[in-house]
Amino acid sequence: MLSPSTRRLDLTLKRDLYAEAGTAAYWVLDPQVPSITTWTLRGGTFEQTGYAAAADSLTAYLPFPVTVCPDDLVR
């Protein structure tokens, strides 16, 4: 979950550290929009594989199959 004080770190350094550690997927929930963005590790770097905002739904498959709606996650 992004917060104003760690937003930049969560979207850059933290994501890069998870990639270096071999984490298969990285998700970021932004409660201000609300939105969710997912990245999947491919070839040692994260590629954005999903995005949904407000009432849109997103189906992700890593680390497990799930469908989420950002509005439902920030209530």
PDB file of N, CA and C in Angstrom:
ATOM      1  N   MET A   1       0.850  -1.162   0.000  1.00  0.00           N
ATOM      2  CA  MET A   1       0.000   0.000   0.000  1.00  0.00           C
ATOM      3  C   MET A   1       0.900   1.230   0.000  1.00  0.00           C
ATOM      4  N   LEU A   2       0.670   2.102  -0.963  1.00  0.00           N
ATOM      5  CA  LEU A   2       1.463   3.328  -1.039  1.00  0.00           C
ATOM      6  C   LEU A   2       1.038   4.306   0.042  1.00  0.00           C
ATOM      7  N   SER A   3       2.007   4.997   0.571  1.00  0.00           N
ATOM      8  CA  SER A   3       1.725   6.109   1.479  1.00  0.00           C
ATOM      9  C   SER A   3       2.532   7.298   0.970  1.00  0.00           C
ATOM     10  N   PRO A   4       2.081   8.509   1.262  1.00  0.00           N
ATOM     11  CA  PRO A   4       2.799   9.684   0.759  1.00  0.00           C
ATOM     12  C   PRO A   4       4.281   9.694   1.146  1.00  0.00           C
ATOM     13  N   SER A   5       4.604   9.201   2.320  1.00  0.00           N
ATOM     14  CA  SER A   5       5.995   9.279   2.782  1.00  0.00           C
ATOM     15  C   SER A   5       6.919   8.246   2.129  1.00  0.00           C
ATOM     16  N   THR A   6       6.368   7.147   1.597  1.00  0.00           N
ATOM     17  CA  THR A   6       7.219   6.100   1.005  1.00  0.00           C
ATOM     18  C   THR A   6       6.918   5.845  -0.467  1.00  0.00           C
ATOM     19  N   ARG A   7       6.058   6.635  -1.064  1.00  0.00           N
ATOM     20  CA  ARG A   7       5.604   6.415  -2.440  1.00  0.00           C
ATOM     21  C   ARG A   7       6.773   6.200  -3.415  1.00  0.00           C
ATOM     22  N   ARG A   8       7.714   7.127  -3.433  1.00  0.00           N
ATOM     23  CA  ARG A   8       8.827   7.052  -4.384  1.00  0.00           C
ATOM     24  C   ARG A   8       9.667   5.792  -4.160  1.00  0.00           C
ATOM     25  N   LEU A   9       9.941   5.469  -2.907  1.00  0.00           N
ATOM     26  CA  LEU A   9      10.730   4.268  -2.603  1.00  0.00           C
ATOM     27  C   LEU A   9      10.001   2.995  -3.003  1.00  0.00           C
ATOM     28  N   ASP A  10       8.685   2.950  -2.754  1.00  0.00           N
ATOM     29  CA  ASP A  10       7.905   1.760  -3.095  1.00  0.00           C
ATOM     30  C   ASP A  10       7.881   1.503  -4.598  1.00  0.00           C
ATOM     31  N   LEU A  11       7.892   2.579  -5.389  1.00  0.00           N
ATOM     32  CA  LEU A  11       7.788   2.435  -6.841  1.00  0.00           C
ATOM     33  C   LEU A  11       9.136   2.311  -7.542  1.00  0.00           C
ATOM     34  N   THR A  12      10.222   2.444  -6.795  1.00  0.00           N
ATOM     35  CA  THR A  12      11.555   2.340  -7.409  1.00  0.00           C
ATOM     36  C   THR A  12      12.436   1.371  -6.628  1.00  0.00           C
ATOM     37  N   LEU A  13      13.062   1.849  -5.579  1.00  0.00           N
ATOM     38  CA  LEU A  13      14.048   1.056  -4.841  1.00  0.00           C
ATOM     39  C   LEU A  13      13.471  -0.247  -4.296  1.00  0.00           C
ATOM     40  N   LYS A  14      12.332  -0.175  -3.643  1.00  0.00           N
ATOM     41  CA  LYS A  14      11.744  -1.380  -3.043  1.00  0.00           C
ATOM     42  C   LYS A  14      11.409  -2.408  -4.123  1.00  0.00           C
ATOM     43  N   ARG A  15      10.823  -1.948  -5.224  1.00  0.00           N
ATOM     44  CA  ARG A  15      10.491  -2.860  -6.322  1.00  0.00           C
ATOM     45  C   ARG A  15      11.762  -3.506  -6.870  1.00  0.00           C
ATOM     46  N   ASP A  16      12.827  -2.715  -7.033  1.00  0.00           N
ATOM     47  CA  ASP A  16      14.095  -3.257  -7.536  1.00  0.00           C
ATOM     48  C   ASP A  16      14.699  -4.283  -6.578  1.00  0.00           C
ATOM     49  N   LEU A  17      14.590  -4.035  -5.281  1.00  0.00           N
ATOM     50  CA  LEU A  17      15.106  -4.988  -4.289  1.00  0.00           C
ATOM     51  C   LEU A  17      14.345  -6.306  -4.340  1.00  0.00           C
ATOM     52  N   TYR A  18      13.029  -6.235  -4.506  1.00  0.00           N
ATOM     53  CA  TYR A  18      12.245  -7.464  -4.641  1.00  0.00           C
ATOM     54  C   TYR A  18      12.636  -8.217  -5.911  1.00  0.00           C
ATOM     55  N   ALA A  19      12.906  -7.508  -6.990  1.00  0.00           N
ATOM     56  CA  ALA A  19      13.341  -8.161  -8.229  1.00  0.00           C
ATOM     57  C   ALA A  19      14.678  -8.864  -8.022  1.00  0.00           C
ATOM     58  N   GLU A  20      15.616  -8.196  -7.370  1.00  0.00           N
ATOM     59  CA  GLU A  20      16.927  -8.802  -7.096  1.00  0.00           C
ATOM     60  C   GLU A  20      16.796 -10.053  -6.236  1.00  0.00           C
ATOM     61  N   ALA A  21      15.801 -10.077  -5.353  1.00  0.00           N
ATOM     62  CA  ALA A  21      15.586 -11.229  -4.480  1.00  0.00           C
ATOM     63  C   ALA A  21      14.849 -12.363  -5.189  1.00  0.00           C
ATOM     64  N   GLY A  22      14.367 -12.106  -6.416  1.00  0.00           N
ATOM     65  CA  GLY A  22      13.685 -13.146  -7.175  1.00  0.00           C
ATOM     66  C   GLY A  22      12.207 -13.287  -6.876  1.00  0.00           C
ATOM     67  N   THR A  23      11.606 -12.276  -6.279  1.00  0.00           N
ATOM     68  CA  THR A  23      10.173 -12.301  -5.988  1.00  0.00           C
ATOM     69  C   THR A  23       9.401 -12.345  -7.306  1.00  0.00           C
ATOM     70  N   ALA A  24       8.463 -13.280  -7.444  1.00  0.00           N
ATOM     71  CA  ALA A  24       7.779 -13.506  -8.717  1.00  0.00           C
ATOM     72  C   ALA A  24       6.813 -12.395  -9.106  1.00  0.00           C
ATOM     73  N   ALA A  25       6.204 -11.739  -8.125  1.00  0.00           N
ATOM     74  CA  ALA A  25       5.203 -10.714  -8.428  1.00  0.00           C
ATOM     75  C   ALA A  25       5.292  -9.591  -7.407  1.00  0.00           C
ATOM     76  N   TYR A  26       4.954  -8.393  -7.856  1.00  0.00           N
ATOM     77  CA  TYR A  26       4.961  -7.209  -6.993  1.00  0.00           C
ATOM     78  C   TYR A  26       3.681  -6.439  -7.271  1.00  0.00           C
ATOM     79  N   TRP A  27       2.925  -6.181  -6.220  1.00  0.00           N
ATOM     80  CA  TRP A  27       1.655  -5.463  -6.346  1.00  0.00           C
ATOM     81  C   TRP A  27       1.733  -4.173  -5.557  1.00  0.00           C
ATOM     82  N   VAL A  28       1.141  -3.114  -6.087  1.00  0.00           N
ATOM     83  CA  VAL A  28       1.081  -1.840  -5.372  1.00  0.00           C
ATOM     84  C   VAL A  28      -0.353  -1.327  -5.399  1.00  0.00           C
ATOM     85  N   LEU A  29      -0.888  -1.088  -4.222  1.00  0.00           N
ATOM     86  CA  LEU A  29      -2.214  -0.498  -4.072  1.00  0.00           C
ATOM     87  C   LEU A  29      -2.037   0.974  -3.737  1.00  0.00           C
ATOM     88  N   ASP A  30      -2.643   1.835  -4.539  1.00  0.00           N
ATOM     89  CA  ASP A  30      -2.598   3.278  -4.300  1.00  0.00           C
ATOM     90  C   ASP A  30      -3.968   3.715  -3.802  1.00  0.00           C
ATOM     91  N   PRO A  31      -4.114   3.975  -2.508  1.00  0.00           N
ATOM     92  CA  PRO A  31      -5.419   4.324  -1.958  1.00  0.00           C
ATOM     93  C   PRO A  31      -5.904   5.707  -2.384  1.00  0.00           C
ATOM     94  N   GLN A  32      -5.024   6.553  -2.885  1.00  0.00           N
ATOM     95  CA  GLN A  32      -5.440   7.891  -3.294  1.00  0.00           C
ATOM     96  C   GLN A  32      -6.247   7.872  -4.582  1.00  0.00           C
ATOM     97  N   VAL A  33      -6.012   6.916  -5.479  1.00  0.00           N
ATOM     98  CA  VAL A  33      -6.699   6.908  -6.777  1.00  0.00           C
ATOM     99  C   VAL A  33      -8.121   6.351  -6.674  1.00  0.00           C
ATOM    100  N   PRO A  34      -8.470   5.246  -6.128  1.00  0.00           N
ATOM    101  CA  PRO A  34      -7.671   4.071  -5.786  1.00  0.00           C
ATOM    102  C   PRO A  34      -7.332   3.250  -7.038  1.00  0.00           C
ATOM    103  N   SER A  35      -6.177   2.588  -6.969  1.00  0.00           N
ATOM    104  CA  SER A  35      -5.757   1.739  -8.086  1.00  0.00           C
ATOM    105  C   SER A  35      -4.847   0.636  -7.568  1.00  0.00           C
ATOM    106  N   ILE A  36      -4.703  -0.381  -8.394  1.00  0.00           N
ATOM    107  CA  ILE A  36      -3.748  -1.446  -8.111  1.00  0.00           C
ATOM    108  C   ILE A  36      -2.956  -1.703  -9.387  1.00  0.00           C
ATOM    109  N   THR A  37      -1.647  -1.829  -9.220  1.00  0.00           N
ATOM    110  CA  THR A  37      -0.748  -2.127 -10.333  1.00  0.00           C
ATOM    111  C   THR A  37       0.021  -3.387  -9.974  1.00  0.00           C
ATOM    112  N   THR A  38       0.131  -4.301 -10.935  1.00  0.00           N
ATOM    113  CA  THR A  38       0.886  -5.530 -10.700  1.00  0.00           C
ATOM    114  C   THR A  38       2.044  -5.616 -11.686  1.00  0.00           C
ATOM    115  N   TRP A  39       3.145  -6.171 -11.200  1.00  0.00           N
ATOM    116  CA  TRP A  39       4.317  -6.430 -12.023  1.00  0.00           C
ATOM    117  C   TRP A  39       4.675  -7.899 -11.866  1.00  0.00           C
ATOM    118  N   THR A  40       5.200  -8.504 -12.928  1.00  0.00           N
ATOM    119  CA  THR A  40       5.656  -9.889 -12.914  1.00  0.00           C
ATOM    120  C   THR A  40       7.137  -9.909 -13.280  1.00  0.00           C
ATOM    121  N   LEU A  41       7.898 -10.712 -12.549  1.00  0.00           N
ATOM    122  CA  LEU A  41       9.338 -10.807 -12.789  1.00  0.00           C
ATOM    123  C   LEU A  41       9.599 -11.625 -14.044  1.00  0.00           C
ATOM    124  N   ARG A  42      10.312 -11.010 -14.992  1.00  0.00           N
ATOM    125  CA  ARG A  42      10.681 -11.688 -16.238  1.00  0.00           C
ATOM    126  C   ARG A  42      12.114 -11.315 -16.575  1.00  0.00           C
ATOM    127  N   GLY A  43      12.966 -12.299 -16.674  1.00  0.00           N
ATOM    128  CA  GLY A  43      14.358 -12.039 -17.018  1.00  0.00           C
ATOM    129  C   GLY A  43      15.083 -11.172 -16.011  1.00  0.00           C
ATOM    130  N   GLY A  44      14.685 -11.265 -14.751  1.00  0.00           N
ATOM    131  CA  GLY A  44      15.360 -10.520 -13.694  1.00  0.00           C
ATOM    132  C   GLY A  44      14.845  -9.119 -13.444  1.00  0.00           C
ATOM    133  N   THR A  45      13.872  -8.669 -14.248  1.00  0.00           N
ATOM    134  CA  THR A  45      13.281  -7.345 -14.022  1.00  0.00           C
ATOM    135  C   THR A  45      11.760  -7.452 -14.033  1.00  0.00           C
ATOM    136  N   PHE A  46      11.125  -6.525 -13.354  1.00  0.00           N
ATOM    137  CA  PHE A  46       9.668  -6.510 -13.314  1.00  0.00           C
ATOM    138  C   PHE A  46       9.100  -5.822 -14.546  1.00  0.00           C
ATOM    139  N   GLU A  47       8.082  -6.450 -15.131  1.00  0.00           N
ATOM    140  CA  GLU A  47       7.304  -5.864 -16.217  1.00  0.00           C
ATOM    141  C   GLU A  47       5.892  -5.660 -15.702  1.00  0.00           C
ATOM    142  N   GLN A  48       5.317  -4.496 -15.970  1.00  0.00           N
ATOM    143  CA  GLN A  48       3.943  -4.251 -15.535  1.00  0.00           C
ATOM    144  C   GLN A  48       3.017  -5.186 -16.298  1.00  0.00           C
ATOM    145  N   THR A  49       2.191  -5.920 -15.548  1.00  0.00           N
ATOM    146  CA  THR A  49       1.297  -6.895 -16.169  1.00  0.00           C
ATOM    147  C   THR A  49      -0.166  -6.618 -15.891  1.00  0.00           C
ATOM    148  N   GLY A  50      -0.451  -5.625 -15.061  1.00  0.00           N
ATOM    149  CA  GLY A  50      -1.845  -5.320 -14.799  1.00  0.00           C
ATOM    150  C   GLY A  50      -2.029  -3.973 -14.146  1.00  0.00           C
ATOM    151  N   TYR A  51      -3.207  -3.393 -14.396  1.00  0.00           N
ATOM    152  CA  TYR A  51      -3.573  -2.126 -13.765  1.00  0.00           C
ATOM    153  C   TYR A  51      -5.088  -2.030 -13.761  1.00  0.00           C
ATOM    154  N   ALA A  52      -5.635  -1.594 -12.641  1.00  0.00           N
ATOM    155  CA  ALA A  52      -7.067  -1.322 -12.551  1.00  0.00           C
ATOM    156  C   ALA A  52      -7.265  -0.160 -11.599  1.00  0.00           C
ATOM    157  N   ALA A  53      -8.260   0.666 -11.895  1.00  0.00           N
ATOM    158  CA  ALA A  53      -8.565   1.814 -11.049  1.00  0.00           C
ATOM    159  C   ALA A  53     -10.048   1.827 -10.713  1.00  0.00           C
ATOM    160  N   ALA A  54     -10.337   2.356  -9.530  1.00  0.00           N
ATOM    161  CA  ALA A  54     -11.711   2.572  -9.059  1.00  0.00           C
ATOM    162  C   ALA A  54     -12.513   1.270  -9.099  1.00  0.00           C
ATOM    163  N   ALA A  55     -13.595   1.247  -9.875  1.00  0.00           N
ATOM    164  CA  ALA A  55     -14.495   0.091  -9.886  1.00  0.00           C
ATOM    165  C   ALA A  55     -14.081  -0.982 -10.889  1.00  0.00           C
ATOM    166  N   ASP A  56     -13.019  -0.742 -11.657  1.00  0.00           N
ATOM    167  CA  ASP A  56     -12.533  -1.766 -12.589  1.00  0.00           C
ATOM    168  C   ASP A  56     -11.986  -2.953 -11.801  1.00  0.00           C
ATOM    169  N   SER A  57     -12.017  -4.123 -12.415  1.00  0.00           N
ATOM    170  CA  SER A  57     -11.440  -5.287 -11.743  1.00  0.00           C
ATOM    171  C   SER A  57     -10.159  -5.708 -12.456  1.00  0.00           C
ATOM    172  N   LEU A  58      -9.317  -6.377 -11.706  1.00  0.00           N
ATOM    173  CA  LEU A  58      -8.037  -6.868 -12.209  1.00  0.00           C
ATOM    174  C   LEU A  58      -7.911  -8.327 -11.805  1.00  0.00           C
ATOM    175  N   THR A  59      -7.565  -9.175 -12.759  1.00  0.00           N
ATOM    176  CA  THR A  59      -7.276 -10.568 -12.447  1.00  0.00           C
ATOM    177  C   THR A  59      -5.771 -10.769 -12.558  1.00  0.00           C
ATOM    178  N   ALA A  60      -5.186 -11.212 -11.474  1.00  0.00           N
ATOM    179  CA  ALA A  60      -3.752 -11.506 -11.425  1.00  0.00           C
ATOM    180  C   ALA A  60      -3.584 -13.008 -11.225  1.00  0.00           C
ATOM    181  N   TYR A  61      -2.458 -13.535 -11.682  1.00  0.00           N
ATOM    182  CA  TYR A  61      -2.233 -14.979 -11.592  1.00  0.00           C
ATOM    183  C   TYR A  61      -1.049 -15.347 -10.714  1.00  0.00           C
ATOM    184  N   LEU A  62      -0.222 -14.366 -10.368  1.00  0.00           N
ATOM    185  CA  LEU A  62       0.904 -14.610  -9.469  1.00  0.00           C
ATOM    186  C   LEU A  62       0.816 -13.669  -8.289  1.00  0.00           C
ATOM    187  N   PRO A  63       1.069 -14.078  -7.109  1.00  0.00           N
ATOM    188  CA  PRO A  63       1.541 -15.398  -6.718  1.00  0.00           C
ATOM    189  C   PRO A  63       0.437 -16.450  -6.671  1.00  0.00           C
ATOM    190  N   PHE A  64      -0.827 -16.027  -6.897  1.00  0.00           N
ATOM    191  CA  PHE A  64      -1.959 -16.944  -6.934  1.00  0.00           C
ATOM    192  C   PHE A  64      -3.058 -16.264  -7.737  1.00  0.00           C
ATOM    193  N   PRO A  65      -3.979 -17.031  -8.341  1.00  0.00           N
ATOM    194  CA  PRO A  65      -5.056 -16.420  -9.112  1.00  0.00           C
ATOM    195  C   PRO A  65      -6.047 -15.701  -8.195  1.00  0.00           C
ATOM    196  N   VAL A  66      -6.331 -14.452  -8.525  1.00  0.00           N
ATOM    197  CA  VAL A  66      -7.280 -13.667  -7.741  1.00  0.00           C
ATOM    198  C   VAL A  66      -7.785 -12.510  -8.601  1.00  0.00           C
ATOM    199  N   THR A  67      -9.044 -12.139  -8.401  1.00  0.00           N
ATOM    200  CA  THR A  67      -9.623 -10.965  -9.044  1.00  0.00           C
ATOM    201  C   THR A  67      -9.947  -9.960  -7.963  1.00  0.00           C
ATOM    202  N   VAL A  68      -9.491  -8.718  -8.152  1.00  0.00           N
ATOM    203  CA  VAL A  68      -9.692  -7.672  -7.152  1.00  0.00           C
ATOM    204  C   VAL A  68     -10.227  -6.409  -7.814  1.00  0.00           C
ATOM    205  N   CYS A  69     -10.900  -5.610  -7.007  1.00  0.00           N
ATOM    206  CA  CYS A  69     -11.412  -4.306  -7.413  1.00  0.00           C
ATOM    207  C   CYS A  69     -10.827  -3.277  -6.447  1.00  0.00           C
ATOM    208  N   PRO A  70     -10.072  -2.303  -6.929  1.00  0.00           N
ATOM    209  CA  PRO A  70      -9.437  -1.337  -6.028  1.00  0.00           C
ATOM    210  C   PRO A  70     -10.404  -0.648  -5.069  1.00  0.00           C
ATOM    211  N   ASP A  71     -11.589  -0.285  -5.540  1.00  0.00           N
ATOM    212  CA  ASP A  71     -12.565   0.351  -4.644  1.00  0.00           C
ATOM    213  C   ASP A  71     -12.868  -0.521  -3.431  1.00  0.00           C
ATOM    214  N   ASP A  72     -12.946  -1.835  -3.641  1.00  0.00           N
ATOM    215  CA  ASP A  72     -13.258  -2.750  -2.538  1.00  0.00           C
ATOM    216  C   ASP A  72     -12.111  -2.865  -1.533  1.00  0.00           C
ATOM    217  N   LEU A  73     -10.903  -2.585  -1.966  1.00  0.00           N
ATOM    218  CA  LEU A  73      -9.737  -2.746  -1.095  1.00  0.00           C
ATOM    219  C   LEU A  73      -9.463  -1.543  -0.201  1.00  0.00           C
ATOM    220  N   VAL A  74     -10.050  -0.403  -0.505  1.00  0.00           N
ATOM    221  CA  VAL A  74      -9.756   0.803   0.280  1.00  0.00           C
ATOM    222  C   VAL A  74     -10.949   1.310   1.082  1.00  0.00           C
ATOM    223  N   ARG A  75     -11.996   0.560   1.151  1.00  0.00           N
ATOM    224  CA  ARG A  75     -13.169   0.974   1.938  1.00  0.00           C
ATOM    225  C   ARG A  75     -12.901   0.870   3.398  1.00  0.00           C
TER     226      ARG A  75
END
